[in-house]
Amino acid sequence: MAIRKKETPVSAVHAVAAPQTGCLQQSALLCAASPTRSGSLELYRLLRKRVPIIDAAIMKTVRLLGTFDVRCDDERAQTALRRFLKTVPVGSLRCGIDAFLSTYFEQLLTYGTAVGEMVVTDGRLTDLFNADLRRVAFSYGKTPLEIVVSAQTDNGRFLPVPYPGLILKSVHDPQPGALYGTSVLQGLPFVSNILMTIFRTTEINWERLGNVRFAVTYKPQNDALDKAYAAERAQQIADAWSRAMREENTVRDFIAVGDVQVQAIGSDNRMLSSEIPVRQLLEQIVAKLGIPPFLLGLSWSSTERMSSQQADILTSEIDAYRRELEPVVLQICETYLRFEGYDCPVEIEWEPLTLQDITALSQAALLDAQREKLRKEIGETQDDI
């Protein structure tokens, strides 16, 4: 039978001792909502929009996060919690905890900070909501261990939320004393700017050299008649050349009288090779994002073993991200159970994560089975002796 206990208001705040190394910032709220921070959010958003490989790396990391299951001592609480996590509305368009976590995790990677909210209706947890970071600000409370969450009102002011216990927040790799986390894209704007410059100049060069332009030169002779009609002949040559170039899907000959030269503009120039500098810049981006190149369609791994090692590294990265998100999942689960009147602990079990080849895993399992069989046969032989 489920054990019910007196519920503690979610908005209750316990007194904490102030650390000696803390430093209160009275103007932290104003700094949090400053244009500088808004500019950083917009910069990272545009960075993902304009550099497709960055957006692809973040989305693949989000998908590799995987799913999880919940365990409770009370079977009825476990059943109700599983149903809630599968069907809980997220915003106005999606459902399920996976939908909430995907947006939450994507926000955490892109901006270094993620904010969500648990919506309570008539004494029950009914919805989850992903907040817009541009409308949320953090500030210190009475001590540096108390964080005040404020939301932007219609008139542009930031006011503390009335129920801070319903706010979900996470920060990635925060600096000591900082209220916000560090984006995984930090340091990439400079590299990406160089990469975009190469792409822009490549586009311009192809517009100039790919769409061939011609220079038609007419040189009058020394006789007086040729010099007298030089302008008329030049105009006739220009009209004839224009007609020849305007004809599509048709080959036309260009015939001129006199000293006429036709030369392709830029034919004596060589287009710079961008393969090496682009690869060097992409290596910096991939190293910062922590995604193996083969997952992004880049064939840089020289051996199969190297790809396997990169997959192992990515697995450890995903495990670290799971540990960052698990407190948020536990907060949602425990809050739901408290509102439903259950008092039982919750455990999160993530699905096993592996990026190894299925054939290699099957061969490894086969070798383990053969080893176990030989061990048993040797043991039985020794017993018979």
Protein backbone atom coordinates (compact mmCIF):
# COMPACT_ATOMS: atom_id res chain seq x y z
CA MET A 1 0.00 0.00 0.00
CA ALA A 2 1.29 3.44 -0.89
CA ILE A 3 2.44 5.45 2.10
CA ARG A 4 1.19 9.01 2.16
CA LYS A 5 2.81 11.73 4.13
CA LYS A 6 2.24 15.40 4.69
CA GLU A 7 3.47 17.27 1.64
CA THR A 8 5.99 20.05 1.96
CA PRO A 9 5.24 23.11 -0.18
CA VAL A 10 7.35 22.97 -3.31
CA SER A 11 8.22 26.64 -2.98
CA ALA A 12 9.69 26.24 0.50
CA VAL A 13 13.29 27.48 0.78
CA HIS A 14 15.57 26.18 3.52
CA ALA A 15 18.04 28.49 5.17
CA VAL A 16 21.67 27.84 4.25
CA ALA A 17 24.94 29.06 5.67
CA ALA A 18 26.87 31.57 3.60
CA PRO A 19 30.29 30.28 2.44
CA GLN A 20 33.26 32.43 3.28
CA THR A 21 34.57 32.35 -0.30
CA GLY A 22 31.27 33.58 -1.75
CA CYS A 23 30.79 37.09 -2.99
CA LEU A 24 27.31 38.52 -3.40
CA GLN A 25 26.57 40.50 -6.52
CA GLN A 26 23.72 42.90 -5.93
CA SER A 27 23.50 43.76 -9.63
CA ALA A 28 23.60 40.17 -10.83
CA LEU A 29 20.02 40.32 -12.07
CA LEU A 30 20.74 43.30 -14.27
CA CYS A 31 23.89 41.66 -15.61
CA ALA A 32 22.04 38.44 -16.34
CA ALA A 33 19.55 40.23 -18.55
CA SER A 34 22.11 42.49 -20.23
CA PRO A 35 22.35 42.83 -24.01
CA THR A 36 25.74 41.08 -23.89
CA ARG A 37 24.17 37.80 -22.83
CA SER A 38 21.34 38.17 -25.36
CA GLY A 39 23.97 38.73 -28.04
CA SER A 40 25.78 35.53 -27.04
CA LEU A 41 22.57 33.51 -27.31
CA GLU A 42 21.90 34.92 -30.77
CA LEU A 43 25.50 34.28 -31.82
CA TYR A 44 25.33 30.59 -30.94
CA ARG A 45 21.96 30.25 -32.64
CA LEU A 46 23.29 31.78 -35.87
CA LEU A 47 26.43 29.64 -35.61
CA ARG A 48 24.36 26.47 -35.77
CA LYS A 49 22.27 27.91 -38.58
CA ARG A 50 25.18 28.90 -40.82
CA VAL A 51 27.61 26.02 -40.17
CA PRO A 52 25.70 22.79 -40.88
CA ILE A 53 28.35 20.48 -39.39
CA ILE A 54 27.95 22.16 -35.97
CA ASP A 55 24.18 21.71 -36.04
CA ALA A 56 24.56 18.10 -37.18
CA ALA A 57 27.02 17.32 -34.37
CA ILE A 58 24.70 18.72 -31.70
CA MET A 59 21.65 16.91 -33.06
CA LYS A 60 23.52 13.60 -33.26
CA THR A 61 24.70 14.03 -29.66
CA VAL A 62 21.11 14.65 -28.58
CA ARG A 63 19.89 11.52 -30.36
CA LEU A 64 22.72 9.42 -28.92
CA LEU A 65 21.58 10.33 -25.39
CA GLY A 66 19.14 7.42 -25.50
CA THR A 67 16.18 6.63 -23.27
CA PHE A 68 15.78 5.41 -19.71
CA ASP A 69 13.49 3.46 -17.43
CA VAL A 70 12.35 4.19 -13.87
CA ARG A 71 12.27 1.81 -10.92
CA CYS A 72 10.21 2.22 -7.76
CA ASP A 73 9.63 -0.02 -4.75
CA ASP A 74 5.87 0.51 -5.11
CA GLU A 75 4.56 -1.17 -8.28
CA ARG A 76 1.55 1.12 -8.54
CA ALA A 77 3.75 4.18 -8.24
CA GLN A 78 6.10 2.75 -10.86
CA THR A 79 3.22 2.06 -13.28
CA ALA A 80 1.73 5.53 -12.80
CA LEU A 81 5.13 7.20 -13.19
CA ARG A 82 5.92 5.31 -16.41
CA ARG A 83 2.56 6.29 -17.88
CA PHE A 84 3.12 9.90 -16.91
CA LEU A 85 6.59 10.02 -18.48
CA LYS A 86 5.26 8.61 -21.76
CA THR A 87 2.19 10.84 -22.06
CA VAL A 88 3.05 14.09 -20.28
CA PRO A 89 2.36 17.08 -22.58
CA VAL A 90 5.45 19.12 -23.43
CA GLY A 91 4.50 22.61 -24.47
CA SER A 92 1.54 22.63 -26.83
CA LEU A 93 2.78 20.30 -29.59
CA ARG A 94 4.69 17.33 -28.13
CA CYS A 95 4.33 14.62 -25.52
CA GLY A 96 6.67 12.48 -23.44
CA ILE A 97 9.74 12.99 -21.31
CA ASP A 98 11.98 12.21 -24.30
CA ALA A 99 10.60 15.23 -26.17
CA PHE A 100 11.27 17.46 -23.17
CA LEU A 101 14.78 16.11 -22.60
CA SER A 102 15.80 16.43 -26.26
CA THR A 103 15.02 20.17 -26.31
CA TYR A 104 16.43 20.62 -22.80
CA PHE A 105 19.68 18.84 -23.69
CA GLU A 106 20.00 20.69 -27.00
CA GLN A 107 19.62 23.97 -25.12
CA LEU A 108 22.22 22.89 -22.60
CA LEU A 109 24.79 22.06 -25.27
CA THR A 110 24.17 25.15 -27.38
CA TYR A 111 23.99 27.80 -24.68
CA GLY A 112 25.57 26.08 -21.66
CA THR A 113 22.37 26.65 -19.67
CA ALA A 114 18.98 24.95 -19.86
CA VAL A 115 15.75 25.94 -18.13
CA GLY A 116 12.45 24.08 -17.95
CA GLU A 117 9.35 24.17 -15.82
CA MET A 118 6.92 21.73 -14.25
CA VAL A 119 3.35 22.97 -14.65
CA VAL A 120 0.94 22.12 -11.82
CA THR A 121 -2.84 22.17 -12.34
CA ASP A 122 -5.33 21.52 -9.57
CA GLY A 123 -2.73 19.99 -7.30
CA ARG A 124 -1.26 17.63 -9.92
CA LEU A 125 1.80 17.78 -12.15
CA THR A 126 0.29 17.89 -15.62
CA ASP A 127 2.75 19.47 -18.09
CA LEU A 128 6.40 20.14 -18.81
CA PHE A 129 7.62 23.32 -20.50
CA ASN A 130 10.93 24.28 -22.13
CA ALA A 131 11.65 27.91 -21.29
CA ASP A 132 13.16 30.49 -23.62
CA LEU A 133 16.51 31.56 -22.17
CA ARG A 134 15.99 35.10 -23.46
CA ARG A 135 13.07 35.46 -21.06
CA VAL A 136 14.78 33.92 -18.01
CA ALA A 137 17.48 35.36 -15.75
CA PHE A 138 19.40 34.10 -12.71
CA SER A 139 20.59 36.13 -9.76
CA TYR A 140 21.96 35.50 -6.29
CA GLY A 141 19.63 35.50 -3.32
CA LYS A 142 20.60 36.24 0.26
CA THR A 143 23.63 33.98 -0.10
CA PRO A 144 25.62 32.73 -3.11
CA LEU A 145 24.02 29.32 -2.57
CA GLU A 146 20.55 30.70 -3.25
CA ILE A 147 19.73 31.29 -6.89
CA VAL A 148 16.74 33.45 -7.73
CA VAL A 149 15.04 32.62 -11.03
CA SER A 150 13.32 35.56 -12.70
CA ALA A 151 11.09 35.67 -15.77
CA GLN A 152 10.50 38.54 -18.17
CA THR A 153 7.10 40.19 -17.98
CA ASP A 154 5.15 41.85 -20.78
CA ASN A 155 6.70 45.24 -20.03
CA GLY A 156 10.24 43.83 -20.30
CA ARG A 157 11.03 43.73 -16.57
CA PHE A 158 12.44 40.63 -14.87
CA LEU A 159 10.57 39.54 -11.73
CA PRO A 160 11.22 36.49 -9.52
CA VAL A 161 8.97 33.53 -10.23
CA PRO A 162 6.46 32.80 -7.44
CA TYR A 163 7.20 29.03 -7.29
CA PRO A 164 10.94 28.46 -7.83
CA GLY A 165 10.66 24.81 -6.76
CA LEU A 166 8.92 24.04 -10.05
CA ILE A 167 11.80 25.39 -12.14
CA LEU A 168 14.24 22.93 -13.73
CA LYS A 169 17.70 24.29 -14.46
CA SER A 170 21.05 22.89 -15.49
CA VAL A 171 24.41 24.43 -16.34
CA HIS A 172 27.24 22.84 -18.29
CA ASP A 173 30.84 23.36 -17.13
CA PRO A 174 30.19 26.61 -15.18
CA GLN A 175 33.09 28.81 -14.17
CA PRO A 176 33.62 29.35 -10.41
CA GLY A 177 31.13 31.94 -9.19
CA ALA A 178 29.30 32.10 -12.53
CA LEU A 179 25.53 31.95 -12.73
CA TYR A 180 25.47 30.44 -16.20
CA GLY A 181 27.19 27.51 -17.87
CA THR A 182 29.61 27.33 -20.78
CA SER A 183 28.44 26.44 -24.25
CA VAL A 184 30.18 23.62 -26.10
CA LEU A 185 30.38 26.10 -28.99
CA GLN A 186 32.64 28.45 -27.07
CA GLY A 187 35.71 29.21 -29.16
CA LEU A 188 34.09 28.16 -32.43
CA PRO A 189 32.88 31.60 -33.68
CA PHE A 190 36.45 32.58 -34.65
CA VAL A 191 37.16 29.30 -36.44
CA SER A 192 33.74 29.28 -38.09
CA ASN A 193 34.22 32.83 -39.33
CA ILE A 194 37.39 31.76 -41.20
CA LEU A 195 35.56 28.74 -42.58
CA MET A 196 32.67 30.89 -43.82
CA THR A 197 35.15 33.29 -45.41
CA ILE A 198 36.64 30.43 -47.43
CA PHE A 199 33.17 29.30 -48.49
CA ARG A 200 32.15 32.84 -49.50
CA THR A 201 35.29 33.40 -51.57
CA THR A 202 34.86 29.98 -53.19
CA GLU A 203 31.34 30.94 -54.18
CA ILE A 204 32.53 34.25 -55.64
CA ASN A 205 35.36 32.59 -57.54
CA TRP A 206 33.04 30.01 -59.05
CA GLU A 207 30.64 32.75 -60.07
CA ARG A 208 33.50 34.49 -61.81
CA LEU A 209 35.29 31.49 -63.33
CA GLY A 210 32.51 28.94 -63.56
CA ASN A 211 30.22 31.26 -65.51
CA VAL A 212 32.75 32.06 -68.22
CA ARG A 213 32.95 35.68 -69.36
CA PHE A 214 34.70 36.69 -72.56
CA ALA A 215 36.70 39.70 -73.60
CA VAL A 216 36.28 40.54 -77.32
CA THR A 217 38.97 42.92 -78.57
CA TYR A 218 38.89 44.63 -81.97
CA LYS A 219 42.05 46.33 -83.20
CA PRO A 220 41.59 48.72 -86.21
CA GLN A 221 44.18 48.64 -88.98
CA ASN A 222 46.38 51.55 -89.99
CA ASP A 223 44.42 52.48 -93.12
CA ALA A 224 42.14 55.53 -92.99
CA LEU A 225 38.97 53.64 -93.98
CA ASP A 226 39.30 51.16 -91.14
CA LYS A 227 39.91 53.94 -88.64
CA ALA A 228 36.92 55.93 -89.91
CA TYR A 229 34.48 53.06 -89.39
CA ALA A 230 36.09 51.61 -86.22
CA ALA A 231 33.18 52.57 -83.95
CA GLU A 232 30.54 51.13 -86.31
CA ARG A 233 32.49 47.86 -86.73
CA ALA A 234 33.01 47.54 -82.99
CA GLN A 235 29.27 47.94 -82.44
CA GLN A 236 28.51 45.35 -85.12
CA ILE A 237 30.96 42.90 -83.51
CA ALA A 238 29.38 43.51 -80.08
CA ASP A 239 25.87 42.90 -81.43
CA ALA A 240 26.91 39.73 -83.23
CA TRP A 241 28.66 38.39 -80.12
CA SER A 242 25.67 39.19 -77.92
CA ARG A 243 23.32 37.32 -80.25
CA ALA A 244 25.63 34.31 -80.26
CA MET A 245 25.81 34.25 -76.46
CA ARG A 246 22.05 34.71 -75.93
CA GLU A 247 21.14 31.62 -77.91
CA GLU A 248 20.50 28.69 -75.52
CA ASN A 249 20.81 25.03 -76.49
CA THR A 250 22.19 26.14 -79.85
CA VAL A 251 25.73 26.36 -81.18
CA ARG A 252 26.31 29.48 -83.27
CA ASP A 253 29.41 30.65 -85.06
CA PHE A 254 30.83 34.12 -84.54
CA ILE A 255 32.32 35.66 -87.68
CA ALA A 256 34.19 38.95 -87.69
CA VAL A 257 36.40 40.82 -90.16
CA GLY A 258 39.69 42.36 -89.09
CA ASP A 259 41.95 41.86 -86.12
CA VAL A 260 39.50 40.43 -83.52
CA GLN A 261 40.60 38.49 -80.44
CA VAL A 262 38.32 36.51 -78.07
CA GLN A 263 39.70 35.55 -74.65
CA ALA A 264 38.05 34.03 -71.56
CA ILE A 265 38.37 36.35 -68.58
CA GLY A 266 40.34 34.76 -65.75
CA SER A 267 41.47 31.76 -67.79
CA ASP A 268 45.10 32.46 -66.88
CA ASN A 269 44.38 32.38 -63.13
CA ARG A 270 44.36 29.32 -60.84
CA MET A 271 41.71 28.83 -58.19
CA LEU A 272 43.20 28.31 -54.75
CA SER A 273 42.76 24.85 -53.28
CA SER A 274 40.59 24.92 -50.14
CA GLU A 275 40.84 21.23 -49.20
CA ILE A 276 43.68 21.53 -46.67
CA PRO A 277 42.58 24.72 -44.85
CA VAL A 278 38.96 23.57 -44.72
CA ARG A 279 40.01 20.23 -43.23
CA GLN A 280 42.17 21.97 -40.63
CA LEU A 281 39.24 24.15 -39.58
CA LEU A 282 36.84 21.21 -39.50
CA GLU A 283 39.28 19.31 -37.32
CA GLN A 284 39.12 22.13 -34.77
CA ILE A 285 35.33 22.09 -34.84
CA VAL A 286 35.07 18.30 -34.52
CA ALA A 287 37.61 18.26 -31.68
CA LYS A 288 35.59 20.86 -29.77
CA LEU A 289 32.26 19.09 -30.24
CA GLY A 290 33.61 15.65 -29.34
CA ILE A 291 31.89 13.80 -32.20
CA PRO A 292 33.87 11.17 -34.16
CA PRO A 293 34.36 12.32 -37.76
CA PHE A 294 32.79 9.18 -39.25
CA LEU A 295 29.44 10.08 -37.64
CA LEU A 296 29.49 13.35 -39.58
CA GLY A 297 30.35 11.76 -42.90
CA LEU A 298 34.05 12.67 -42.72
CA SER A 299 36.38 9.83 -43.74
CA TRP A 300 39.39 10.77 -41.64
CA SER A 301 39.94 7.54 -39.68
CA SER A 302 42.76 5.59 -41.30
CA THR A 303 42.07 2.30 -39.53
CA GLU A 304 39.08 0.43 -38.20
CA ARG A 305 40.60 0.34 -34.72
CA MET A 306 40.84 4.13 -34.66
CA SER A 307 37.09 4.41 -35.35
CA SER A 308 36.43 1.94 -32.54
CA GLN A 309 38.47 4.02 -30.10
CA GLN A 310 36.64 7.18 -31.14
CA ALA A 311 33.33 5.41 -30.49
CA ASP A 312 34.52 4.47 -27.00
CA ILE A 313 35.43 8.08 -26.29
CA LEU A 314 32.00 9.25 -27.44
CA THR A 315 30.38 6.66 -25.17
CA SER A 316 32.15 8.18 -22.17
CA GLU A 317 31.02 11.64 -23.29
CA ILE A 318 27.39 10.52 -23.44
CA ASP A 319 27.68 8.95 -19.99
CA ALA A 320 28.92 12.29 -18.63
CA TYR A 321 25.96 14.11 -20.21
CA ARG A 322 23.58 11.57 -18.71
CA ARG A 323 24.97 12.31 -15.26
CA GLU A 324 24.28 16.02 -15.84
CA LEU A 325 20.67 15.38 -16.83
CA GLU A 326 19.81 12.70 -14.27
CA PRO A 327 19.12 15.17 -11.40
CA VAL A 328 16.54 16.91 -13.60
CA VAL A 329 14.83 13.61 -14.40
CA LEU A 330 14.81 12.65 -10.72
CA GLN A 331 13.33 16.02 -9.79
CA ILE A 332 10.49 15.53 -12.25
CA CYS A 333 9.80 11.98 -11.09
CA GLU A 334 9.92 12.78 -7.38
CA THR A 335 7.73 15.85 -7.79
CA TYR A 336 5.12 13.82 -9.68
CA LEU A 337 5.09 11.09 -7.03
CA ARG A 338 4.76 13.62 -4.19
CA PHE A 339 1.78 15.26 -5.84
CA GLU A 340 0.22 11.83 -6.36
CA GLY A 341 0.74 10.96 -2.68
CA TYR A 342 3.52 8.36 -3.08
CA ASP A 343 6.57 8.31 -0.86
CA CYS A 344 9.07 5.94 -2.45
CA PRO A 345 12.54 6.40 -3.93
CA VAL A 346 13.07 6.48 -7.68
CA GLU A 347 15.98 5.01 -9.62
CA ILE A 348 16.90 5.91 -13.18
CA GLU A 349 18.23 3.15 -15.45
CA TRP A 350 19.59 4.36 -18.76
CA GLU A 351 19.60 2.02 -21.71
CA PRO A 352 23.02 0.52 -22.55
CA LEU A 353 24.95 2.72 -24.95
CA THR A 354 27.24 1.14 -27.51
CA LEU A 355 28.49 2.37 -30.87
CA GLN A 356 30.37 -0.78 -31.75
CA ASP A 357 29.56 -2.80 -34.84
CA ILE A 358 26.89 -5.48 -34.28
CA THR A 359 29.00 -8.09 -36.04
CA ALA A 360 31.98 -7.38 -33.80
CA LEU A 361 29.78 -7.61 -30.70
CA SER A 362 28.33 -10.91 -31.89
CA GLN A 363 31.79 -12.34 -32.50
CA ALA A 364 32.89 -11.23 -29.04
CA ALA A 365 29.84 -12.91 -27.50
CA LEU A 366 30.61 -16.08 -29.45
CA LEU A 367 34.20 -16.13 -28.23
CA ASP A 368 33.01 -15.66 -24.63
CA ALA A 369 30.61 -18.60 -25.01
CA GLN A 370 33.33 -20.81 -26.48
CA ARG A 371 35.70 -19.88 -23.68
CA GLU A 372 33.05 -20.71 -21.07
CA LYS A 373 32.38 -24.05 -22.78
CA LEU A 374 36.10 -24.97 -22.81
CA ARG A 375 36.43 -23.96 -19.18
CA LYS A 376 33.58 -26.28 -18.21
CA GLU A 377 34.99 -29.16 -20.28
CA ILE A 378 38.43 -28.76 -18.71
CA GLY A 379 36.85 -28.62 -15.25
CA GLU A 380 34.87 -31.81 -15.87
CA THR A 381 37.99 -33.55 -17.19
CA GLN A 382 39.96 -32.64 -14.09
CA ASP A 383 37.12 -33.88 -11.86
CA ASP A 384 37.10 -37.23 -13.66
CA ILE A 385 40.86 -37.59 -13.13
